[in-house]
Amino acid sequence: MAKEEYITVSRASGPNSAARTEPMVKVIAVIATLGGLLFGYDTGVISGALLFMGTELHLTPFTTGLVTSSLLFGAAFGALLSGHFAAAAGRRKIIVILAVIFAAGALGTALAPNVEWMIFFRLVLGVAVGGASATVPVYIAEIAPANKRGQLVTLQELMIVSGQLLAYISNAGFNAAWGGDTTWRWMLAVATIPAVLLWVGMLFMPDTPRWYAMKGRLAEARRVLERTRAKEDVEWELTEIEETLAEDEKSKPRLRELKKPWLLKLFMIGIGIAVIQQLTGVNTIMYYAPTMLKAVGMSDNAALIATIANGVISVLMTFVGIWLLGKIGRRTMVKIGQFGCTCCLFIIGAISYFMPETINGQPDVLRSYLVLGGMLLFLSFQQGALSPVTWLLLSEIFPTRLRGIFMGGAVFAMWIANFLISLSFPMLLASVGLSGAFFIFGLIGIAGAIFVMKCIPETRNRSLEQIEHYLHDWLSNDEETRPLRRQVILPKTGS
């Protein structure tokens, strides 16, 4: 698909990129992204808990894989369902419901008497994780001003990696303080605290102006814009939202609209963006890092403490990603992340393959730390470029009326890919070893890089409505009637 040439002009009455971000927007973003914190904690905590729950729950290699991946399977369907219901009930209401599910799932896993109940409550928790991953970025993207959308949506990614870091610190802390086979229950129970905070906080938050407008509640849409925009931007943005919604069909949003070629192409691009983030193998590192580090010679305590480094790098590099989103385009960010991650996968594979496992009958300590170093370099590209821009692009590229459903479908595909990779990784590790596993992910990464070069659009400095028009023109089949040059109205300054 070839991109048309676009030109830009400034609009004196358009959104002022230099305008301040209203404090209410920041409050809304921080509270909503507690869902991201829970997402990160609940996916990261299992990496350490697995080292301790095996004895009490009588885990086998197969049930270990089920306990880990059941959350991801539930997350796939949580994303799909929340995407559907968010269009009908509203983004805010869905997040409130998800907070209750987060709390129930966290308590259930902490109190699980056997592996069957553990898997069940991990599935429940997964519904909340998947729902948050699909709903929170959309909520923030629709409520944030165009010039701050990148940084505010990426706050979700910062909260995810912060939650994972919190999980790693919690795992090491509980083990150091109490130890023993029941330590894992406290690790899992801690997640109820941010779940309660999310529930209370979202009760006082508004829904998005675009959802209110989609439901014909224009007075409420205006009130939200007045609380989250500079005064001079309210009329302009409300008019743009109304005009864009008026161009859409009046019927309820349904997946059968994928019969339209440009929407089908856009949906498939969204799925591709979602899936390539997982095909790097990032979550094999996030979920199985202690297991892999033990396999290359580290002790339990050393592996748990070393895994904290993964969390620290992830948080620090997400700050770098937020900064970069204000400086360079989305497409450039994806290319940096995809190419960097792919190179790191081959580096880790080479270290594992060429360096000896033991020296004089003892595990090669240098090999284990070089593998850890390769993981940290990989996470620098993943969390500093690829992951932040993935969530941002998914929240931007879909049309307003279909955004909830399409986002749910794309994130469903992401979680299914995550589930399959996480379930199969222990078997892959056993059959081809650490080096073979990372070489396979590296080859997949090359295919992902080809997709990035051909299919990733640039959305920076465009409002959500401008993005919709741009992508419609780009993906249109009718080459004769499609304009070769489309005027895109952009702010005069800023990012």
Protein backbone atom coordinates (compact mmCIF):
# COMPACT_ATOMS: atom_id res chain seq x y z
CA MET A 1 0.00 0.00 0.00
CA ALA A 2 1.47 3.29 -1.06
CA LYS A 3 0.84 6.36 1.03
CA GLU A 4 -0.53 9.49 -0.66
CA GLU A 5 1.28 12.78 -0.36
CA TYR A 6 -0.28 14.94 2.31
CA ILE A 7 0.11 18.65 2.86
CA THR A 8 -0.51 20.58 6.03
CA VAL A 9 -1.80 24.03 6.74
CA SER A 10 -2.28 25.80 10.03
CA ARG A 11 -5.67 26.87 11.30
CA ALA A 12 -5.87 30.00 13.34
CA SER A 13 -9.01 28.85 15.05
CA GLY A 14 -7.91 25.27 15.52
CA PRO A 15 -6.45 23.54 18.60
CA ASN A 16 -3.60 25.50 20.04
CA SER A 17 -0.72 23.09 20.63
CA ALA A 18 0.98 25.60 22.89
CA ALA A 19 -2.04 25.78 25.18
CA ARG A 20 -1.63 24.38 28.65
CA THR A 21 -2.96 20.97 29.56
CA GLU A 22 -5.91 21.50 31.90
CA PRO A 23 -5.25 19.99 35.37
CA MET A 24 -8.46 17.93 35.14
CA VAL A 25 -7.03 15.99 32.19
CA LYS A 26 -4.00 14.97 34.25
CA VAL A 27 -6.16 13.89 37.19
CA ILE A 28 -8.36 11.77 34.91
CA ALA A 29 -5.33 10.17 33.26
CA VAL A 30 -3.65 9.27 36.57
CA ILE A 31 -6.80 7.70 38.03
CA ALA A 32 -7.72 5.78 34.85
CA THR A 33 -4.22 4.38 34.46
CA LEU A 34 -4.47 2.67 37.84
CA GLY A 35 -5.97 0.04 35.56
CA GLY A 36 -2.58 -0.14 33.86
CA LEU A 37 -0.86 -0.49 37.24
CA LEU A 38 -3.11 -3.46 38.03
CA PHE A 39 -2.50 -4.85 34.54
CA GLY A 40 1.26 -4.72 35.16
CA TYR A 41 1.18 -6.05 38.72
CA ASP A 42 -1.09 -8.99 37.97
CA THR A 43 0.92 -10.06 34.93
CA GLY A 44 4.30 -9.56 36.61
CA VAL A 45 3.65 -11.05 40.05
CA ILE A 46 3.32 -14.60 38.71
CA SER A 47 7.02 -14.66 37.73
CA GLY A 48 8.08 -14.80 41.38
CA ALA A 49 5.01 -16.50 42.81
CA LEU A 50 5.62 -19.56 40.60
CA LEU A 51 8.83 -20.27 42.50
CA PHE A 52 6.83 -20.78 45.74
CA MET A 53 3.30 -21.96 44.92
CA GLY A 54 4.38 -25.20 43.27
CA THR A 55 4.66 -27.20 46.48
CA GLU A 56 1.33 -26.17 48.02
CA LEU A 57 -0.68 -26.44 44.78
CA HIS A 58 1.22 -29.52 43.52
CA LEU A 59 2.03 -27.91 40.18
CA THR A 60 3.34 -29.92 37.26
CA PRO A 61 5.06 -28.34 34.23
CA PHE A 62 1.72 -28.41 32.39
CA THR A 63 -0.31 -26.83 35.21
CA THR A 64 2.46 -24.28 35.72
CA GLY A 65 1.92 -23.21 32.12
CA LEU A 66 -1.85 -23.13 32.68
CA VAL A 67 -1.58 -20.99 35.81
CA THR A 68 0.62 -18.50 33.92
CA SER A 69 -1.30 -18.39 30.67
CA SER A 70 -4.89 -18.67 31.98
CA LEU A 71 -4.82 -14.96 32.85
CA LEU A 72 -3.83 -14.20 29.27
CA PHE A 73 -6.64 -16.35 27.87
CA GLY A 74 -9.14 -14.53 30.08
CA ALA A 75 -7.59 -11.21 29.03
CA ALA A 76 -8.31 -11.94 25.37
CA PHE A 77 -12.03 -12.29 26.02
CA GLY A 78 -12.02 -9.41 28.52
CA ALA A 79 -10.67 -7.16 25.76
CA LEU A 80 -13.26 -8.39 23.28
CA LEU A 81 -16.21 -7.98 25.65
CA SER A 82 -15.13 -4.63 27.04
CA GLY A 83 -14.65 -3.27 23.54
CA HIS A 84 -18.24 -4.19 22.69
CA PHE A 85 -19.81 -2.92 25.90
CA ALA A 86 -17.69 0.25 26.06
CA ALA A 87 -19.47 1.51 22.95
CA ALA A 88 -22.86 0.90 24.53
CA ALA A 89 -22.35 1.63 28.24
CA GLY A 90 -19.48 4.10 28.07
CA ARG A 91 -15.75 3.90 28.72
CA ARG A 92 -15.98 5.13 32.34
CA LYS A 93 -18.64 2.64 33.43
CA ILE A 94 -16.67 -0.28 32.01
CA ILE A 95 -13.56 0.77 33.96
CA VAL A 96 -15.62 0.95 37.19
CA ILE A 97 -16.86 -2.61 36.60
CA LEU A 98 -13.33 -3.79 35.77
CA ALA A 99 -12.08 -2.44 39.12
CA VAL A 100 -14.53 -4.72 40.94
CA ILE A 101 -13.40 -7.71 38.85
CA PHE A 102 -9.75 -6.84 39.59
CA ALA A 103 -10.42 -6.94 43.34
CA ALA A 104 -12.41 -10.19 43.18
CA GLY A 105 -9.78 -11.89 41.03
CA ALA A 106 -6.88 -10.78 43.24
CA LEU A 107 -8.56 -12.04 46.42
CA GLY A 108 -9.60 -15.26 44.70
CA THR A 109 -6.07 -16.11 43.56
CA ALA A 110 -4.63 -15.26 46.98
CA LEU A 111 -7.10 -17.62 48.71
CA ALA A 112 -7.18 -20.39 46.09
CA PRO A 113 -7.14 -23.79 47.87
CA ASN A 114 -5.99 -25.79 44.84
CA VAL A 115 -4.77 -25.45 41.27
CA GLU A 116 -8.28 -25.65 39.77
CA TRP A 117 -9.48 -22.62 41.74
CA MET A 118 -6.22 -20.81 41.01
CA ILE A 119 -6.72 -21.25 37.26
CA PHE A 120 -10.37 -20.14 37.56
CA PHE A 121 -9.54 -16.94 39.43
CA ARG A 122 -6.61 -16.24 37.10
CA LEU A 123 -9.15 -16.39 34.27
CA VAL A 124 -11.37 -13.93 36.16
CA LEU A 125 -8.41 -11.65 36.77
CA GLY A 126 -7.55 -11.94 33.10
CA VAL A 127 -10.95 -10.57 32.11
CA ALA A 128 -10.14 -7.42 34.08
CA VAL A 129 -6.60 -7.17 32.71
CA GLY A 130 -7.79 -7.52 29.11
CA GLY A 131 -10.66 -5.14 29.64
CA ALA A 132 -8.33 -2.50 31.08
CA SER A 133 -5.85 -2.93 28.24
CA ALA A 134 -8.59 -2.28 25.67
CA THR A 135 -10.59 0.43 27.47
CA VAL A 136 -8.16 2.66 29.37
CA PRO A 137 -6.10 3.81 26.33
CA VAL A 138 -9.30 4.61 24.42
CA TYR A 139 -10.70 6.52 27.41
CA ILE A 140 -7.58 8.64 27.74
CA ALA A 141 -7.15 9.17 23.98
CA GLU A 142 -10.73 10.43 23.65
CA ILE A 143 -10.54 12.74 26.66
CA ALA A 144 -7.05 14.19 26.05
CA PRO A 145 -6.31 17.20 23.80
CA ALA A 146 -4.57 16.31 20.52
CA ASN A 147 -1.25 17.95 21.45
CA LYS A 148 -0.97 15.92 24.70
CA ARG A 149 -2.59 12.67 23.60
CA GLY A 150 0.72 10.90 23.00
CA GLN A 151 2.15 11.61 26.43
CA LEU A 152 -1.10 10.93 28.32
CA VAL A 153 -1.94 7.66 26.57
CA THR A 154 1.65 6.52 27.10
CA LEU A 155 1.12 7.08 30.82
CA GLN A 156 -0.80 3.78 30.58
CA GLU A 157 2.38 2.01 29.48
CA LEU A 158 4.33 3.70 32.29
CA MET A 159 1.80 2.42 34.81
CA ILE A 160 1.96 -1.10 33.31
CA VAL A 161 5.73 -1.35 33.69
CA SER A 162 5.54 0.36 37.10
CA GLY A 163 3.07 -2.34 38.15
CA GLN A 164 5.46 -5.02 36.94
CA LEU A 165 8.33 -3.39 38.83
CA LEU A 166 6.14 -3.20 41.93
CA ALA A 167 5.40 -6.91 41.51
CA TYR A 168 9.10 -7.81 41.25
CA ILE A 169 9.97 -5.71 44.32
CA SER A 170 7.01 -7.20 46.19
CA ASN A 171 8.10 -10.73 45.30
CA ALA A 172 11.65 -10.16 46.51
CA GLY A 173 10.47 -8.23 49.58
CA PHE A 174 7.96 -10.83 50.77
CA ASN A 175 10.50 -13.59 50.20
CA ALA A 176 13.15 -11.72 52.20
CA ALA A 177 10.75 -10.81 55.03
CA TRP A 178 8.85 -14.07 55.46
CA GLY A 179 9.88 -16.68 52.92
CA GLY A 180 8.20 -20.06 53.00
CA ASP A 181 5.72 -21.78 50.73
CA THR A 182 2.77 -19.47 51.57
CA THR A 183 4.57 -16.21 50.69
CA TRP A 184 2.98 -16.21 47.24
CA ARG A 185 -0.49 -15.61 48.73
CA TRP A 186 0.58 -12.21 50.07
CA MET A 187 2.22 -11.40 46.74
CA LEU A 188 -1.11 -11.91 44.97
CA ALA A 189 -3.33 -10.25 47.60
CA VAL A 190 -1.57 -6.85 47.41
CA ALA A 191 -3.31 -6.12 44.07
CA THR A 192 -6.64 -5.49 45.84
CA ILE A 193 -5.40 -2.09 47.10
CA PRO A 194 -5.03 -0.32 43.72
CA ALA A 195 -8.24 -2.04 42.54
CA VAL A 196 -10.20 -0.32 45.31
CA LEU A 197 -8.52 3.02 44.53
CA LEU A 198 -9.42 2.65 40.84
CA TRP A 199 -13.06 1.91 41.69
CA VAL A 200 -13.41 4.89 44.03
CA GLY A 201 -11.60 7.27 41.71
CA MET A 202 -13.55 6.41 38.55
CA LEU A 203 -16.88 6.98 40.32
CA PHE A 204 -16.11 10.71 40.19
CA MET A 205 -14.73 10.86 36.62
CA PRO A 206 -16.72 11.90 33.51
CA ASP A 207 -17.05 9.85 30.35
CA THR A 208 -15.38 11.07 27.16
CA PRO A 209 -16.80 13.91 25.04
CA ARG A 210 -16.73 11.68 21.97
CA TRP A 211 -18.83 8.99 23.64
CA TYR A 212 -21.33 11.58 24.88
CA ALA A 213 -21.54 13.06 21.37
CA MET A 214 -21.95 9.59 19.85
CA LYS A 215 -24.97 9.11 22.13
CA GLY A 216 -26.40 12.53 21.22
CA ARG A 217 -25.63 13.99 24.66
CA LEU A 218 -23.95 17.13 23.31
CA ALA A 219 -24.48 19.26 26.42
CA GLU A 220 -22.49 16.72 28.49
CA ALA A 221 -19.85 16.52 25.76
CA ARG A 222 -19.47 20.30 25.91
CA ARG A 223 -19.16 20.26 29.72
CA VAL A 224 -16.33 17.71 29.57
CA LEU A 225 -14.53 19.73 26.89
CA GLU A 226 -14.88 22.88 28.99
CA ARG A 227 -13.20 21.07 31.90
CA THR A 228 -10.39 19.55 29.81
CA ARG A 229 -9.62 22.11 27.08
CA ALA A 230 -8.54 25.70 26.79
CA LYS A 231 -11.58 27.95 26.20
CA GLU A 232 -10.63 28.78 22.62
CA ASP A 233 -10.54 25.08 21.64
CA VAL A 234 -13.95 23.94 22.92
CA GLU A 235 -16.16 25.11 20.03
CA TRP A 236 -13.70 24.02 17.37
CA GLU A 237 -13.31 20.49 18.74
CA LEU A 238 -17.02 19.98 19.45
CA THR A 239 -17.85 21.02 15.89
CA GLU A 240 -15.23 18.63 14.50
CA ILE A 241 -16.59 15.74 16.58
CA GLU A 242 -20.17 16.45 15.46
CA GLU A 243 -19.19 16.70 11.79
CA THR A 244 -17.23 13.46 11.85
CA LEU A 245 -20.02 11.55 13.61
CA ALA A 246 -22.56 12.99 11.14
CA GLU A 247 -20.57 11.52 8.26
CA ASP A 248 -20.82 8.02 9.77
CA GLU A 249 -23.78 5.76 9.36
CA LYS A 250 -26.50 6.09 12.02
CA SER A 251 -26.67 2.36 12.69
CA LYS A 252 -25.13 0.78 15.75
CA PRO A 253 -21.44 -0.10 15.35
CA ARG A 254 -21.07 -3.75 14.32
CA LEU A 255 -18.24 -5.96 13.09
CA ARG A 256 -20.16 -6.58 9.86
CA GLU A 257 -18.93 -3.17 8.79
CA LEU A 258 -15.66 -4.96 8.06
CA LYS A 259 -17.27 -5.67 4.67
CA LYS A 260 -16.10 -2.17 3.77
CA PRO A 261 -12.60 -2.71 2.30
CA TRP A 262 -10.95 0.28 3.95
CA LEU A 263 -12.27 -0.69 7.39
CA LEU A 264 -11.14 -4.30 6.93
CA LYS A 265 -7.65 -3.12 5.96
CA LEU A 266 -7.57 -0.77 8.94
CA PHE A 267 -8.72 -3.50 11.33
CA MET A 268 -6.05 -5.88 10.01
CA ILE A 269 -3.38 -3.18 10.43
CA GLY A 270 -4.59 -2.72 14.01
CA ILE A 271 -4.29 -6.47 14.65
CA GLY A 272 -0.81 -6.43 13.13
CA ILE A 273 0.27 -3.53 15.36
CA ALA A 274 -1.07 -5.37 18.41
CA VAL A 275 0.45 -8.76 17.59
CA ILE A 276 3.98 -7.71 16.59
CA GLN A 277 4.42 -6.29 20.10
CA GLN A 278 3.91 -9.82 21.47
CA LEU A 279 5.84 -11.67 18.77
CA THR A 280 9.07 -10.09 20.00
CA GLY A 281 8.73 -12.49 22.93
CA VAL A 282 8.72 -9.67 25.47
CA ASN A 283 6.41 -11.42 27.89
CA THR A 284 8.51 -14.56 27.98
CA ILE A 285 11.07 -12.28 29.65
CA MET A 286 8.49 -10.58 31.89
CA TYR A 287 6.83 -13.86 33.01
CA TYR A 288 9.73 -16.33 32.92
CA ALA A 289 12.81 -14.21 33.65
CA PRO A 290 13.53 -15.86 37.05
CA THR A 291 13.05 -19.28 35.47
CA MET A 292 15.42 -18.44 32.59
CA LEU A 293 18.03 -16.90 34.88
CA LYS A 294 17.91 -19.98 37.11
CA ALA A 295 18.42 -22.08 33.99
CA VAL A 296 21.64 -20.19 33.20
CA GLY A 297 23.06 -20.63 36.68
CA MET A 298 21.55 -18.09 39.12
CA SER A 299 20.10 -19.02 42.53
CA ASP A 300 16.46 -18.32 43.49
CA ASN A 301 17.32 -15.14 45.38
CA ALA A 302 19.74 -13.90 42.72
CA ALA A 303 17.16 -14.53 39.99
CA LEU A 304 14.43 -12.65 41.88
CA ILE A 305 16.70 -9.69 42.59
CA ALA A 306 18.04 -9.64 39.02
CA THR A 307 14.48 -9.58 37.71
CA ILE A 308 13.96 -6.26 39.53
CA ALA A 309 16.51 -4.83 37.08
CA ASN A 310 14.10 -5.74 34.27
CA GLY A 311 11.40 -3.71 35.98
CA VAL A 312 13.67 -0.74 36.66
CA ILE A 313 14.86 -0.57 33.04
CA SER A 314 11.27 -0.90 31.81
CA VAL A 315 10.14 2.07 33.93
CA LEU A 316 13.13 4.26 33.05
CA MET A 317 12.87 3.54 29.33
CA THR A 318 9.14 4.25 29.34
CA PHE A 319 10.01 7.77 30.47
CA VAL A 320 12.35 7.92 27.49
CA GLY A 321 9.50 6.71 25.27
CA ILE A 322 7.16 9.41 26.58
CA TRP A 323 9.84 12.01 25.83
CA LEU A 324 10.47 10.64 22.33
CA LEU A 325 6.77 10.73 21.47
CA GLY A 326 6.93 14.50 21.85
CA LYS A 327 9.91 14.68 19.48
CA ILE A 328 9.51 12.12 16.69
CA GLY A 329 6.73 10.41 14.76
CA ARG A 330 4.83 7.25 15.68
CA ARG A 331 6.08 5.39 12.60
CA THR A 332 9.71 6.20 13.42
CA MET A 333 9.18 4.99 17.00
CA VAL A 334 7.80 1.65 15.82
CA LYS A 335 10.76 1.15 13.47
CA ILE A 336 13.31 1.92 16.20
CA GLY A 337 11.57 -0.48 18.60
CA GLN A 338 11.03 -3.33 16.14
CA PHE A 339 14.52 -3.28 14.63
CA GLY A 340 16.20 -2.85 18.03
CA CYS A 341 14.26 -5.70 19.65
CA THR A 342 14.98 -8.04 16.74
CA CYS A 343 18.73 -7.40 16.95
CA CYS A 344 18.68 -8.01 20.72
CA LEU A 345 16.91 -11.35 20.27
CA PHE A 346 19.73 -12.57 18.06
CA ILE A 347 22.30 -11.25 20.56
CA ILE A 348 20.71 -13.19 23.45
CA GLY A 349 20.49 -16.30 21.28
CA ALA A 350 24.17 -15.98 20.31
CA ILE A 351 25.30 -15.55 23.94
CA SER A 352 23.33 -18.63 24.99
CA TYR A 353 24.60 -20.71 22.05
CA PHE A 354 28.29 -19.84 21.89
CA MET A 355 29.23 -19.38 25.56
CA PRO A 356 29.88 -22.50 27.67
CA GLU A 357 27.25 -23.45 30.25
CA THR A 358 29.83 -24.48 32.86
CA ILE A 359 33.47 -23.78 33.64
CA ASN A 360 35.32 -26.35 35.75
CA GLY A 361 32.00 -27.98 36.64
CA GLN A 362 30.46 -24.72 37.88
CA PRO A 363 27.81 -22.60 36.10
CA ASP A 364 29.36 -19.86 33.99
CA VAL A 365 28.43 -16.71 35.94
CA LEU A 366 29.52 -14.43 33.09
CA ARG A 367 27.10 -16.18 30.72
CA SER A 368 24.16 -15.65 33.08
CA TYR A 369 24.93 -11.95 33.49
CA LEU A 370 25.43 -11.45 29.76
CA VAL A 371 22.01 -13.03 29.18
CA LEU A 372 20.60 -10.62 31.77
CA GLY A 373 22.36 -7.74 29.99
CA GLY A 374 20.82 -8.85 26.69
CA MET A 375 17.38 -8.87 28.33
CA LEU A 376 17.91 -5.33 29.65
CA LEU A 377 19.02 -4.07 26.23
CA PHE A 378 15.99 -5.75 24.66
CA LEU A 379 13.66 -4.12 27.20
CA SER A 380 15.25 -0.74 26.48
CA PHE A 381 13.98 -0.94 22.89
CA GLN A 382 10.71 -2.66 23.79
CA GLN A 383 9.64 -0.34 26.60
CA GLY A 384 11.38 2.76 25.30
CA ALA A 385 9.86 2.63 21.83
CA LEU A 386 7.74 -0.32 20.72
CA SER A 387 5.30 -0.84 23.61
CA PRO A 388 4.39 2.81 24.29
CA VAL A 389 3.69 3.59 20.64
CA THR A 390 1.72 0.35 20.19
CA TRP A 391 -0.94 1.36 22.73
CA LEU A 392 -0.98 4.90 21.39
CA LEU A 393 -1.49 3.85 17.76
CA LEU A 394 -4.25 1.43 18.72
CA SER A 395 -6.06 4.19 20.59
CA GLU A 396 -5.76 6.57 17.61
CA ILE A 397 -6.30 4.77 14.33
CA PHE A 398 -9.87 3.46 14.64
CA PRO A 399 -12.94 5.59 13.78
CA THR A 400 -14.77 7.07 16.77
CA ARG A 401 -17.98 5.10 16.28
CA LEU A 402 -16.11 1.79 15.91
CA ARG A 403 -13.20 2.49 18.23
CA GLY A 404 -14.42 0.38 21.15
CA ILE A 405 -15.24 -2.69 19.04
CA PHE A 406 -12.13 -2.50 16.84
CA MET A 407 -9.86 -1.84 19.83
CA GLY A 408 -11.38 -4.85 21.59
CA GLY A 409 -10.78 -7.05 18.56
CA ALA A 410 -7.16 -5.93 18.12
CA VAL A 411 -6.34 -6.37 21.81
CA PHE A 412 -8.11 -9.76 21.74
CA ALA A 413 -5.61 -10.81 19.06
CA MET A 414 -2.77 -9.41 21.16
CA TRP A 415 -3.77 -11.45 24.21
CA ILE A 416 -4.31 -14.63 22.21
CA ALA A 417 -0.79 -14.25 20.80
CA ASN A 418 0.48 -13.61 24.35
CA PHE A 419 -1.39 -16.67 25.63
CA LEU A 420 -0.03 -19.00 22.93
CA ILE A 421 3.55 -17.76 23.34
CA SER A 422 3.46 -17.97 27.14
CA LEU A 423 1.87 -21.43 27.13
CA SER A 424 4.32 -22.84 24.59
CA PHE A 425 7.51 -21.15 25.82
CA PRO A 426 8.36 -23.73 28.54
CA MET A 427 7.99 -26.50 25.94
CA LEU A 428 10.01 -24.48 23.41
CA LEU A 429 12.71 -23.97 26.04
CA ALA A 430 12.80 -27.71 26.76
CA SER A 431 12.98 -28.71 23.09
CA VAL A 432 15.37 -26.19 21.49
CA GLY A 433 16.95 -24.49 24.50
CA LEU A 434 17.28 -20.80 25.33
CA SER A 435 19.35 -20.01 22.25
CA GLY A 436 16.97 -21.75 19.85
CA ALA A 437 13.95 -20.02 21.37
CA PHE A 438 15.46 -16.56 20.94
CA PHE A 439 16.66 -17.29 17.41
CA ILE A 440 13.08 -18.26 16.51
CA PHE A 441 11.74 -15.02 17.99
CA GLY A 442 14.42 -13.15 16.04
CA LEU A 443 13.30 -14.66 12.73
CA ILE A 444 9.70 -13.74 13.55
CA GLY A 445 10.97 -10.23 14.33
CA ILE A 446 12.31 -9.90 10.78
CA ALA A 447 8.83 -10.61 9.42
CA GLY A 448 7.47 -8.01 11.86
CA ALA A 449 9.95 -5.45 10.56
CA ILE A 450 8.66 -5.96 7.01
CA PHE A 451 5.10 -5.33 8.24
CA VAL A 452 6.25 -2.16 10.01
CA MET A 453 7.86 -0.77 6.86
CA LYS A 454 4.81 -1.42 4.70
CA CYS A 455 1.80 -0.82 6.92
CA ILE A 456 2.38 1.53 9.88
CA PRO A 457 0.74 4.97 9.37
CA GLU A 458 1.93 8.29 10.79
CA THR A 459 -0.65 9.91 13.11
CA ARG A 460 1.38 12.49 15.01
CA ASN A 461 0.01 16.06 15.18
CA ARG A 462 -3.46 15.09 13.95
CA SER A 463 -6.72 15.12 15.88
CA LEU A 464 -8.62 11.83 16.04
CA GLU A 465 -11.03 13.12 13.40
CA GLN A 466 -8.19 14.13 11.06
CA ILE A 467 -6.62 10.69 11.51
CA GLU A 468 -9.91 9.05 10.53
CA HIS A 469 -10.12 11.06 7.28
CA TYR A 470 -6.45 10.47 6.50
CA LEU A 471 -6.68 6.70 6.94
CA HIS A 472 -9.95 6.53 4.98
CA ASP A 473 -8.25 8.21 2.02
CA TRP A 474 -5.07 6.12 2.31
CA LEU A 475 -6.88 2.78 2.48
CA SER A 476 -9.60 3.58 -0.07
CA ASN A 477 -9.81 1.20 -3.02
CA ASP A 478 -11.06 3.79 -5.47
CA GLU A 479 -7.80 5.18 -6.84
CA GLU A 480 -9.57 7.34 -9.42
CA THR A 481 -11.82 9.22 -7.00
CA ARG A 482 -9.39 9.28 -4.09
CA PRO A 483 -7.55 12.63 -3.88
CA LEU A 484 -3.81 12.33 -4.34
CA ARG A 485 -3.23 15.24 -2.02
CA ARG A 486 -5.47 15.75 0.99
CA GLN A 487 -5.34 18.90 3.02
CA VAL A 488 -4.79 18.05 6.68
CA ILE A 489 -5.45 20.84 9.17
CA LEU A 490 -2.79 20.83 11.85
CA PRO A 491 -1.94 23.08 14.80
CA LYS A 492 0.49 25.86 14.13
CA THR A 493 3.10 24.82 16.71
CA GLY A 494 4.07 22.20 19.26
CA SER A 495 3.95 18.42 19.23
